[in-house]
PDB file of all heavy atoms in Angstrom:
ATOM      1  N   ALA A   1     152.082 154.161 148.667  1.00  0.00           N
ATOM      2  CA  ALA A   1     152.733 152.970 148.124  1.00  0.00           C
ATOM      3  C   ALA A   1     152.504 152.869 146.617  1.00  0.00           C
ATOM      4  O   ALA A   1     153.399 152.490 145.862  1.00  0.00           O
ATOM      5  CB  ALA A   1     152.212 151.712 148.818  1.00  0.00           C
ATOM      6  N   GLU A   2     151.292 153.241 146.183  1.00  0.00           N
ATOM      7  CA  GLU A   2     150.997 153.192 144.765  1.00  0.00           C
ATOM      8  C   GLU A   2     151.839 154.220 144.007  1.00  0.00           C
ATOM      9  O   GLU A   2     152.364 153.948 142.921  1.00  0.00           O
ATOM     10  CB  GLU A   2     149.510 153.474 144.524  1.00  0.00           C
ATOM     11  CG  GLU A   2     149.117 153.630 143.070  1.00  0.00           C
ATOM     12  CD  GLU A   2     149.298 152.377 142.233  1.00  0.00           C
ATOM     13  OE1 GLU A   2     149.595 151.316 142.839  1.00  0.00           O
ATOM     14  OE2 GLU A   2     149.192 152.451 141.010  1.00  0.00           O
ATOM     15  N   GLY A   3     152.015 155.404 144.602  1.00  0.00           N
ATOM     16  CA  GLY A   3     152.855 156.402 143.957  1.00  0.00           C
ATOM     17  C   GLY A   3     154.285 155.914 143.813  1.00  0.00           C
ATOM     18  O   GLY A   3     154.918 156.123 142.762  1.00  0.00           O
ATOM     19  N   GLU A   4     154.813 155.269 144.835  1.00  0.00           N
ATOM     20  CA  GLU A   4     156.169 154.724 144.777  1.00  0.00           C
ATOM     21  C   GLU A   4     156.275 153.649 143.699  1.00  0.00           C
ATOM     22  O   GLU A   4     157.252 153.584 142.959  1.00  0.00           O
ATOM     23  CB  GLU A   4     156.559 154.143 146.133  1.00  0.00           C
ATOM     24  CG  GLU A   4     156.758 155.219 147.206  1.00  0.00           C
ATOM     25  CD  GLU A   4     157.040 154.590 148.563  1.00  0.00           C
ATOM     26  OE1 GLU A   4     157.026 153.353 148.663  1.00  0.00           O
ATOM     27  OE2 GLU A   4     157.259 155.340 149.538  1.00  0.00           O
ATOM     28  N   SER A   5     155.245 152.800 143.639  1.00  0.00           N
ATOM     29  CA  SER A   5     155.296 151.716 142.636  1.00  0.00           C
ATOM     30  C   SER A   5     155.212 152.270 141.216  1.00  0.00           C
ATOM     31  O   SER A   5     155.800 151.721 140.288  1.00  0.00           O
ATOM     32  CB  SER A   5     154.175 150.705 142.881  1.00  0.00           C
ATOM     33  OG  SER A   5     152.911 151.267 142.586  1.00  0.00           O
ATOM     34  N   GLN A   6     154.468 153.383 141.038  1.00  0.00           N
ATOM     35  CA  GLN A   6     154.396 154.001 139.714  1.00  0.00           C
ATOM     36  C   GLN A   6     155.748 154.558 139.295  1.00  0.00           C
ATOM     37  O   GLN A   6     156.148 154.470 138.125  1.00  0.00           O
ATOM     38  CB  GLN A   6     153.344 155.125 139.732  1.00  0.00           C
ATOM     39  CG  GLN A   6     151.917 154.653 139.881  1.00  0.00           C
ATOM     40  CD  GLN A   6     151.396 153.954 138.644  1.00  0.00           C
ATOM     41  OE1 GLN A   6     152.065 153.905 137.618  1.00  0.00           O
ATOM     42  NE2 GLN A   6     150.208 153.430 138.743  1.00  0.00           N
ATOM     43  N   LEU A   7     156.475 155.150 140.262  1.00  0.00           N
ATOM     44  CA  LEU A   7     157.824 155.622 139.957  1.00  0.00           C
ATOM     45  C   LEU A   7     158.736 154.473 139.551  1.00  0.00           C
ATOM     46  O   LEU A   7     159.524 154.603 138.615  1.00  0.00           O
ATOM     47  CB  LEU A   7     158.391 156.351 141.170  1.00  0.00           C
ATOM     48  CG  LEU A   7     157.723 157.662 141.586  1.00  0.00           C
ATOM     49  CD1 LEU A   7     158.369 158.191 142.846  1.00  0.00           C
ATOM     50  CD2 LEU A   7     157.807 158.686 140.462  1.00  0.00           C
ATOM     51  N   ASP A   8     158.620 153.362 140.274  1.00  0.00           N
ATOM     52  CA  ASP A   8     159.421 152.190 139.933  1.00  0.00           C
ATOM     53  C   ASP A   8     159.037 151.637 138.580  1.00  0.00           C
ATOM     54  O   ASP A   8     159.887 151.163 137.808  1.00  0.00           O
ATOM     55  CB  ASP A   8     159.275 151.093 141.021  1.00  0.00           C
ATOM     56  CG  ASP A   8     159.870 151.538 142.344  1.00  0.00           C
ATOM     57  OD1 ASP A   8     160.935 152.156 142.332  1.00  0.00           O
ATOM     58  OD2 ASP A   8     159.253 151.252 143.392  1.00  0.00           O
ATOM     59  N   ALA A   9     157.708 151.688 138.262  1.00  0.00           N
ATOM     60  CA  ALA A   9     157.264 151.168 136.982  1.00  0.00           C
ATOM     61  C   ALA A   9     157.842 151.969 135.826  1.00  0.00           C
ATOM     62  O   ALA A   9     158.134 151.415 134.755  1.00  0.00           O
ATOM     63  CB  ALA A   9     155.736 151.195 136.916  1.00  0.00           C
ATOM     64  N   GLU A  10     158.022 153.272 136.053  1.00  0.00           N
ATOM     65  CA  GLU A  10     158.626 154.090 135.007  1.00  0.00           C
ATOM     66  C   GLU A  10     160.053 153.651 134.707  1.00  0.00           C
ATOM     67  O   GLU A  10     160.565 153.861 133.612  1.00  0.00           O
ATOM     68  CB  GLU A  10     158.599 155.575 135.423  1.00  0.00           C
ATOM     69  CG  GLU A  10     157.196 156.182 135.426  1.00  0.00           C
ATOM     70  CD  GLU A  10     157.228 157.647 135.790  1.00  0.00           C
ATOM     71  OE1 GLU A  10     158.332 158.164 136.059  1.00  0.00           O
ATOM     72  OE2 GLU A  10     156.144 158.263 135.810  1.00  0.00           O
ATOM     73  N   ARG A  11     160.686 153.069 135.688  1.00  0.00           N
ATOM     74  CA  ARG A  11     162.058 152.563 135.490  1.00  0.00           C
ATOM     75  C   ARG A  11     162.060 151.111 135.010  1.00  0.00           C
ATOM     76  O   ARG A  11     163.081 150.476 134.906  1.00  0.00           O
ATOM     77  CB  ARG A  11     162.844 152.674 136.792  1.00  0.00           C
ATOM     78  CG  ARG A  11     163.060 154.136 137.243  1.00  0.00           C
ATOM     79  CD  ARG A  11     164.110 154.225 138.324  1.00  0.00           C
ATOM     80  NE  ARG A  11     163.649 153.651 139.570  1.00  0.00           N
ATOM     81  CZ  ARG A  11     163.039 154.341 140.520  1.00  0.00           C
ATOM     82  NH1 ARG A  11     162.832 155.654 140.367  1.00  0.00           N
ATOM     83  NH2 ARG A  11     162.645 153.768 141.645  1.00  0.00           N
ATOM     84  N   GLY A  12     160.824 150.599 134.760  1.00  0.00           N
ATOM     85  CA  GLY A  12     160.710 149.256 134.222  1.00  0.00           C
ATOM     86  C   GLY A  12     160.835 148.137 135.228  1.00  0.00           C
ATOM     87  O   GLY A  12     161.042 146.986 134.848  1.00  0.00           O
ATOM     88  N   ALA A  13     160.699 148.424 136.512  1.00  0.00           N
ATOM     89  CA  ALA A  13     160.852 147.393 137.530  1.00  0.00           C
ATOM     90  C   ALA A  13     159.613 147.330 138.435  1.00  0.00           C
ATOM     91  O   ALA A  13     159.000 148.356 138.724  1.00  0.00           O
ATOM     92  CB  ALA A  13     162.078 147.671 138.394  1.00  0.00           C
ATOM     93  N   LEU A  14     159.275 146.133 138.830  1.00  0.00           N
ATOM     94  CA  LEU A  14     158.216 145.936 139.807  1.00  0.00           C
ATOM     95  C   LEU A  14     158.888 145.692 141.152  1.00  0.00           C
ATOM     96  O   LEU A  14     159.785 144.863 141.256  1.00  0.00           O
ATOM     97  CB  LEU A  14     157.351 144.722 139.449  1.00  0.00           C
ATOM     98  CG  LEU A  14     156.538 144.818 138.158  1.00  0.00           C
ATOM     99  CD1 LEU A  14     155.781 143.509 137.915  1.00  0.00           C
ATOM    100  CD2 LEU A  14     155.553 145.973 138.194  1.00  0.00           C
ATOM    101  N   VAL A  15     158.460 146.422 142.173  1.00  0.00           N
ATOM    102  CA  VAL A  15     159.037 146.252 143.487  1.00  0.00           C
ATOM    103  C   VAL A  15     157.928 146.263 144.535  1.00  0.00           C
ATOM    104  O   VAL A  15     156.820 146.740 144.305  1.00  0.00           O
ATOM    105  CB  VAL A  15     160.060 147.371 143.831  1.00  0.00           C
ATOM    106  CG1 VAL A  15     161.242 147.353 142.881  1.00  0.00           C
ATOM    107  CG2 VAL A  15     159.385 148.722 143.827  1.00  0.00           C
ATOM    108  N   GLY A  16     158.243 145.711 145.697  1.00  0.00           N
ATOM    109  CA  GLY A  16     157.309 145.733 146.828  1.00  0.00           C
ATOM    110  C   GLY A  16     156.738 144.359 147.124  1.00  0.00           C
ATOM    111  O   GLY A  16     156.993 143.386 146.427  1.00  0.00           O
ATOM    112  N   THR A  17     155.922 144.315 148.156  1.00  0.00           N
ATOM    113  CA  THR A  17     155.350 143.059 148.636  1.00  0.00           C
ATOM    114  C   THR A  17     153.920 142.902 148.124  1.00  0.00           C
ATOM    115  O   THR A  17     153.128 143.858 148.122  1.00  0.00           O
ATOM    116  CB  THR A  17     155.322 143.037 150.173  1.00  0.00           C
ATOM    117  OG1 THR A  17     156.678 143.136 150.646  1.00  0.00           O
ATOM    118  CG2 THR A  17     154.721 141.747 150.692  1.00  0.00           C
ATOM    119  N   VAL A  18     153.583 141.688 147.688  1.00  0.00           N
ATOM    120  CA  VAL A  18     152.217 141.328 147.329  1.00  0.00           C
ATOM    121  C   VAL A  18     151.699 140.351 148.352  1.00  0.00           C
ATOM    122  O   VAL A  18     152.284 139.282 148.580  1.00  0.00           O
ATOM    123  CB  VAL A  18     152.152 140.698 145.925  1.00  0.00           C
ATOM    124  CG1 VAL A  18     150.689 140.401 145.553  1.00  0.00           C
ATOM    125  CG2 VAL A  18     152.782 141.589 144.881  1.00  0.00           C
ATOM    126  N   ARG A  19     150.609 140.707 149.002  1.00  0.00           N
ATOM    127  CA  ARG A  19     150.031 139.890 150.067  1.00  0.00           C
ATOM    128  C   ARG A  19     148.890 139.065 149.468  1.00  0.00           C
ATOM    129  O   ARG A  19     147.899 139.605 149.000  1.00  0.00           O
ATOM    130  CB  ARG A  19     149.499 140.763 151.199  1.00  0.00           C
ATOM    131  CG  ARG A  19     150.558 141.670 151.803  1.00  0.00           C
ATOM    132  CD  ARG A  19     149.964 142.798 152.601  1.00  0.00           C
ATOM    133  NE  ARG A  19     149.157 143.691 151.769  1.00  0.00           N
ATOM    134  CZ  ARG A  19     148.487 144.759 152.222  1.00  0.00           C
ATOM    135  NH1 ARG A  19     148.537 145.045 153.512  1.00  0.00           N
ATOM    136  NH2 ARG A  19     147.794 145.509 151.397  1.00  0.00           N
ATOM    137  N   VAL A  20     149.086 137.736 149.442  1.00  0.00           N
ATOM    138  CA  VAL A  20     148.179 136.843 148.736  1.00  0.00           C
ATOM    139  C   VAL A  20     147.566 135.836 149.725  1.00  0.00           C
ATOM    140  O   VAL A  20     148.256 135.303 150.585  1.00  0.00           O
ATOM    141  CB  VAL A  20     148.898 136.074 147.612  1.00  0.00           C
ATOM    142  CG1 VAL A  20     147.921 135.166 146.868  1.00  0.00           C
ATOM    143  CG2 VAL A  20     149.537 137.052 146.644  1.00  0.00           C
ATOM    144  N   SER A  21     146.284 135.569 149.568  1.00  0.00           N
ATOM    145  CA  SER A  21     145.613 134.493 150.289  1.00  0.00           C
ATOM    146  C   SER A  21     145.134 133.467 149.287  1.00  0.00           C
ATOM    147  O   SER A  21     144.547 133.817 148.245  1.00  0.00           O
ATOM    148  CB  SER A  21     144.427 135.050 151.078  1.00  0.00           C
ATOM    149  OG  SER A  21     143.626 134.005 151.607  1.00  0.00           O
ATOM    150  N   ALA A  22     145.386 132.183 149.561  1.00  0.00           N
ATOM    151  CA  ALA A  22     145.040 131.140 148.603  1.00  0.00           C
ATOM    152  C   ALA A  22     144.683 129.825 149.330  1.00  0.00           C
ATOM    153  O   ALA A  22     145.175 129.583 150.422  1.00  0.00           O
ATOM    154  CB  ALA A  22     146.189 130.885 147.633  1.00  0.00           C
ATOM    155  N   PRO A  23     143.839 128.998 148.721  1.00  0.00           N
ATOM    156  CA  PRO A  23     143.495 127.712 149.323  1.00  0.00           C
ATOM    157  C   PRO A  23     144.744 126.844 149.467  1.00  0.00           C
ATOM    158  O   PRO A  23     145.661 126.888 148.658  1.00  0.00           O
ATOM    159  CB  PRO A  23     142.519 127.085 148.299  1.00  0.00           C
ATOM    160  CG  PRO A  23     141.983 128.247 147.533  1.00  0.00           C
ATOM    161  CD  PRO A  23     143.100 129.243 147.461  1.00  0.00           C
ATOM    162  N   SER A  24     144.750 126.017 150.506  1.00  0.00           N
ATOM    163  CA  SER A  24     145.969 125.272 150.874  1.00  0.00           C
ATOM    164  C   SER A  24     146.447 124.337 149.773  1.00  0.00           C
ATOM    165  O   SER A  24     147.597 124.417 149.346  1.00  0.00           O
ATOM    166  CB  SER A  24     145.719 124.486 152.167  1.00  0.00           C
ATOM    167  OG  SER A  24     144.677 123.553 151.980  1.00  0.00           O
ATOM    168  N   ASP A  25     145.600 123.447 149.305  1.00  0.00           N
ATOM    169  CA  ASP A  25     146.078 122.454 148.352  1.00  0.00           C
ATOM    170  C   ASP A  25     146.390 123.059 146.998  1.00  0.00           C
ATOM    171  O   ASP A  25     147.342 122.680 146.321  1.00  0.00           O
ATOM    172  CB  ASP A  25     145.037 121.330 148.189  1.00  0.00           C
ATOM    173  CG  ASP A  25     145.693 120.010 147.841  1.00  0.00           C
ATOM    174  OD1 ASP A  25     146.774 119.728 148.373  1.00  0.00           O
ATOM    175  OD2 ASP A  25     145.132 119.277 147.004  1.00  0.00           O
ATOM    176  N   LEU A  26     145.582 124.047 146.587  1.00  0.00           N
ATOM    177  CA  LEU A  26     145.850 124.722 145.319  1.00  0.00           C
ATOM    178  C   LEU A  26     147.193 125.430 145.371  1.00  0.00           C
ATOM    179  O   LEU A  26     147.946 125.419 144.405  1.00  0.00           O
ATOM    180  CB  LEU A  26     144.739 125.727 145.014  1.00  0.00           C
ATOM    181  CG  LEU A  26     144.822 126.404 143.654  1.00  0.00           C
ATOM    182  CD1 LEU A  26     144.435 125.421 142.556  1.00  0.00           C
ATOM    183  CD2 LEU A  26     143.907 127.619 143.602  1.00  0.00           C
ATOM    184  N   ALA A  27     147.519 126.032 146.506  1.00  0.00           N
ATOM    185  CA  ALA A  27     148.800 126.705 146.655  1.00  0.00           C
ATOM    186  C   ALA A  27     149.965 125.718 146.529  1.00  0.00           C
ATOM    187  O   ALA A  27     150.966 126.022 145.857  1.00  0.00           O
ATOM    188  CB  ALA A  27     148.881 127.425 148.009  1.00  0.00           C
ATOM    189  N   ARG A  28     149.820 124.573 147.160  1.00  0.00           N
ATOM    190  CA  ARG A  28     150.909 123.572 147.146  1.00  0.00           C
ATOM    191  C   ARG A  28     151.068 122.897 145.794  1.00  0.00           C
ATOM    192  O   ARG A  28     152.193 122.693 145.339  1.00  0.00           O
ATOM    193  CB  ARG A  28     150.638 122.510 148.218  1.00  0.00           C
ATOM    194  CG  ARG A  28     150.753 123.016 149.653  1.00  0.00           C
ATOM    195  CD  ARG A  28     150.475 121.896 150.658  1.00  0.00           C
ATOM    196  NE  ARG A  28     150.693 122.344 152.018  1.00  0.00           N
ATOM    197  CZ  ARG A  28     149.757 122.864 152.779  1.00  0.00           C
ATOM    198  NH1 ARG A  28     148.520 123.009 152.313  1.00  0.00           N
ATOM    199  NH2 ARG A  28     150.027 123.232 154.026  1.00  0.00           N
ATOM    200  N   THR A  29     149.963 122.562 145.144  1.00  0.00           N
ATOM    201  CA  THR A  29     150.049 121.742 143.929  1.00  0.00           C
ATOM    202  C   THR A  29     150.131 122.534 142.645  1.00  0.00           C
ATOM    203  O   THR A  29     150.691 122.063 141.655  1.00  0.00           O
ATOM    204  CB  THR A  29     148.837 120.787 143.850  1.00  0.00           C
ATOM    205  OG1 THR A  29     147.634 121.581 143.835  1.00  0.00           O
ATOM    206  CG2 THR A  29     148.813 119.853 145.033  1.00  0.00           C
TER     207      THR A  29
END
C-alpha cells in the first residue's frame, strides 16, 4: 500500500483510506 501511495504521490495526488480513532466529543466539536 505504501508503494502504491508513493506512486500516486509522484503524480501529486493523495489517495487511499486513512483509519482514524478519536475521542467522541473532540471529533464532533
